[in-house]
Protein backbone atom coordinates (compact mmCIF):
# COMPACT_ATOMS: atom_id res chain seq x y z
CA UNK A 1 217.19 94.13 141.44
CA UNK A 2 214.15 93.34 139.33
CA UNK A 3 216.36 91.81 136.60
CA UNK A 4 218.05 89.52 139.12
CA UNK A 5 214.66 88.30 140.35
CA UNK A 6 213.55 87.75 136.76
CA UNK A 7 216.76 85.81 136.03
CA UNK A 8 216.16 83.52 139.03
CA UNK A 9 212.53 82.97 138.06
CA UNK A 10 213.60 82.15 134.49
CA UNK A 11 216.23 79.70 135.70
CA UNK A 12 213.87 77.85 138.05
CA UNK A 13 211.02 77.83 135.49
CA UNK A 14 213.26 76.13 132.96
CA UNK A 15 214.79 73.81 135.57
CA UNK A 16 211.51 72.55 137.04
CA UNK A 17 208.96 73.08 134.25
CA UNK A 18 211.09 72.93 131.12
CA UNK A 19 209.63 76.21 129.87
CA UNK A 20 209.11 79.81 130.91
CA UNK A 21 205.86 80.71 132.64
CA UNK A 22 203.66 83.35 131.01
CA UNK A 23 204.49 85.91 133.70
CA UNK A 24 208.24 85.45 133.11
CA UNK A 25 207.73 85.63 129.34
CA UNK A 26 205.83 88.90 129.65
CA UNK A 27 208.48 90.24 132.06
CA UNK A 28 211.13 89.50 129.45
CA UNK A 29 209.00 90.98 126.68
CA UNK A 30 208.64 87.62 124.93
CA UNK A 31 205.60 86.13 123.25
CA UNK A 32 204.86 82.66 121.99
CA UNK A 33 204.92 82.30 118.23
CA UNK A 34 203.06 79.40 116.68
CA UNK A 35 203.78 78.67 113.01
CA UNK A 36 200.66 78.60 110.84
CA UNK A 37 201.20 74.94 109.87
CA UNK A 38 201.35 73.89 113.54
CA UNK A 39 198.23 75.85 114.50
CA UNK A 40 196.33 74.25 111.60
CA UNK A 41 197.39 70.79 112.81
CA UNK A 42 196.24 71.53 116.34
CA UNK A 43 192.74 72.41 115.19
CA UNK A 44 192.31 69.68 112.58
CA UNK A 45 193.71 66.42 114.00
CA UNK A 46 194.04 65.21 117.58
CA UNK A 47 197.48 63.87 118.56
CA UNK A 48 197.93 60.15 118.01
CA UNK A 49 198.87 57.80 120.80
CA UNK A 50 202.19 56.05 120.17
CA UNK A 51 201.71 52.69 118.53
CA UNK A 52 202.82 49.67 120.51
CA UNK A 53 203.97 46.71 118.44
CA UNK A 54 203.76 43.15 119.67
CA UNK A 55 207.52 42.83 119.28
CA UNK A 56 208.17 45.64 121.80
CA UNK A 57 207.91 43.28 124.80
CA UNK A 58 210.38 40.82 123.29
CA UNK A 59 212.79 43.60 122.46
CA UNK A 60 212.37 45.02 125.96
CA UNK A 61 213.30 41.65 127.50
CA UNK A 62 216.41 41.53 125.28
CA UNK A 63 217.30 45.07 126.35
CA UNK A 64 216.89 44.12 130.03
CA UNK A 65 219.10 41.04 129.62
CA UNK A 66 221.71 43.18 127.86
CA UNK A 67 221.55 45.87 130.53
CA UNK A 68 221.76 43.48 133.49
CA UNK A 69 223.97 40.67 132.14
CA UNK A 70 225.46 41.86 128.83
CA UNK A 71 223.81 38.87 127.13
CA UNK A 72 223.83 40.35 123.62
CA UNK A 73 227.52 41.29 123.91
CA UNK A 74 228.25 37.68 124.85
CA UNK A 75 226.11 36.19 122.06
CA UNK A 76 227.62 38.46 119.40
CA UNK A 77 231.21 37.76 120.54
CA UNK A 78 233.35 35.29 118.57
CA UNK A 79 234.34 32.74 121.23
CA UNK A 80 236.81 30.70 119.17
CA UNK A 81 239.79 32.59 120.63
CA UNK A 82 238.82 31.70 124.23
CA UNK A 83 239.38 28.45 126.09
CA UNK A 84 236.47 26.41 127.41
CA UNK A 85 237.47 27.38 130.95
CA UNK A 86 237.30 31.09 130.10
CA UNK A 87 233.90 30.72 128.44
CA UNK A 88 232.59 28.61 131.31
CA UNK A 89 233.67 31.18 133.90
CA UNK A 90 231.97 33.98 131.96
CA UNK A 91 228.78 31.97 131.46
CA UNK A 92 228.39 31.07 135.14
CA UNK A 93 228.09 34.71 136.26
CA UNK A 94 226.01 35.69 133.24
CA UNK A 95 223.62 32.79 133.87
CA UNK A 96 222.91 34.05 137.39
CA UNK A 97 222.42 37.63 136.20
CA UNK A 98 220.08 36.60 133.36
CA UNK A 99 218.09 34.32 135.61
CA UNK A 100 217.63 37.07 138.23
CA UNK A 101 216.59 39.63 135.59
CA UNK A 102 214.12 37.28 133.98
CA UNK A 103 212.61 36.30 137.34
CA UNK A 104 212.18 39.99 138.20
CA UNK A 105 209.90 40.63 135.19
CA UNK A 106 208.44 37.26 134.15
CA UNK A 107 207.05 34.51 136.39
CA UNK A 108 207.71 31.18 134.67
CA UNK A 109 205.93 27.92 135.43
CA UNK A 110 206.25 24.50 133.82
CA UNK A 111 203.53 23.56 131.32
CA UNK A 112 203.45 20.05 132.82
CA UNK A 113 204.60 19.89 136.41
CA UNK A 114 205.79 16.29 136.41
CA UNK A 115 208.94 14.23 136.70
CA UNK A 116 210.92 14.04 133.49
CA UNK A 117 211.40 10.47 132.27
CA UNK A 118 208.03 9.23 133.60
CA UNK A 119 204.76 8.53 131.73
CA UNK A 120 202.53 11.62 131.78
CA UNK A 121 199.05 12.33 130.44
CA UNK A 122 198.86 15.11 127.83
CA UNK A 123 197.03 18.17 129.16
CA UNK A 124 195.99 19.20 125.69
CA UNK A 125 196.12 18.09 122.07
CA UNK A 126 197.13 21.64 121.09
CA UNK A 127 200.66 21.44 119.59
CA UNK A 128 201.43 24.86 121.09
CA UNK A 129 200.90 23.39 124.58
CA UNK A 130 202.14 19.80 124.19
CA UNK A 131 204.49 18.68 121.42
CA UNK A 132 204.68 14.95 120.78
CA UNK A 133 208.11 13.76 119.64
CA UNK A 134 209.47 10.41 118.54
CA UNK A 135 207.37 7.76 116.79
CA UNK A 136 204.09 9.72 116.78
CA UNK A 137 201.00 8.06 115.21
CA UNK A 138 198.57 9.98 112.97
CA UNK A 139 196.29 10.68 115.93
CA UNK A 140 198.25 11.82 118.99
CA UNK A 141 198.11 9.44 121.95
CA UNK A 142 196.75 10.31 125.41
CA UNK A 143 200.24 10.66 126.87
CA UNK A 144 203.88 9.69 126.68
CA UNK A 145 207.22 9.90 128.45
CA UNK A 146 207.85 13.45 129.68
CA UNK A 147 211.08 14.65 128.05
CA UNK A 148 210.73 18.38 128.77
CA UNK A 149 208.30 20.12 131.12
CA UNK A 150 207.94 23.14 128.84
CA UNK A 151 207.62 26.72 130.07
CA UNK A 152 204.62 28.97 130.49
CA UNK A 153 204.80 32.69 131.30
CA UNK A 154 202.30 32.93 134.16
CA UNK A 155 202.76 36.68 134.62
CA UNK A 156 204.67 39.34 132.74
CA UNK A 157 205.36 42.62 134.50
CA UNK A 158 207.60 44.69 132.25
CA UNK A 159 208.16 48.34 133.12
CA UNK A 160 206.49 50.78 130.72
CA UNK A 161 208.62 52.12 127.91
CA UNK A 162 209.59 55.77 128.28
CA UNK A 163 207.66 58.19 126.08
CA UNK A 164 209.17 58.24 122.63
CA UNK A 165 211.59 55.39 123.43
CA UNK A 166 212.53 53.31 120.39
CA UNK A 167 212.10 49.69 121.51
CA UNK A 168 214.41 48.49 118.72
CA UNK A 169 217.41 50.12 120.43
CA UNK A 170 218.43 47.30 122.77
CA UNK A 171 221.53 49.04 124.09
CA UNK A 172 222.72 52.52 123.20
CA UNK A 173 226.19 53.02 121.82
CA UNK A 174 228.60 54.30 124.46
CA UNK A 175 231.11 57.03 123.73
CA UNK A 176 233.73 57.89 126.32
CA UNK A 177 234.73 61.49 126.57
CA UNK A 178 238.25 62.12 127.82
């Protein structure tokens, strides 16, 4: 009876904790062995936090768009074999899915909230904020005709990456088992 109880305790320890508790280990006559190299590392250097690269957010957005709308599959597909009607039908649904996914994680606002085609004052002379196009003099003017409102990410709320997740894997390969 004692072995059955020990078997159940072992099963539930592994199921819920991922490892055997010390009491179960002693009941089984097991002890933890730590290799000398690992014990030296534990005493000499603290564990490093995973490094987060600036590209991780961009890759995460691509992974989300692939997961929700199969955007990368569409972009990597050779469309020459398909008619315009077939491509248009596929794009309509994908557009809605991509738009919903993007809106879920990023709040976008126009850089200049004006009417395109009308004269608008430049908010900034910074070329990252306002880009003058056309016949631009050496010193940028105070304004011009608004051709594109631009986009600004007001808020970004991406879910955290799972521990140890490789951000460069945008979509895992899928293998069907029959």
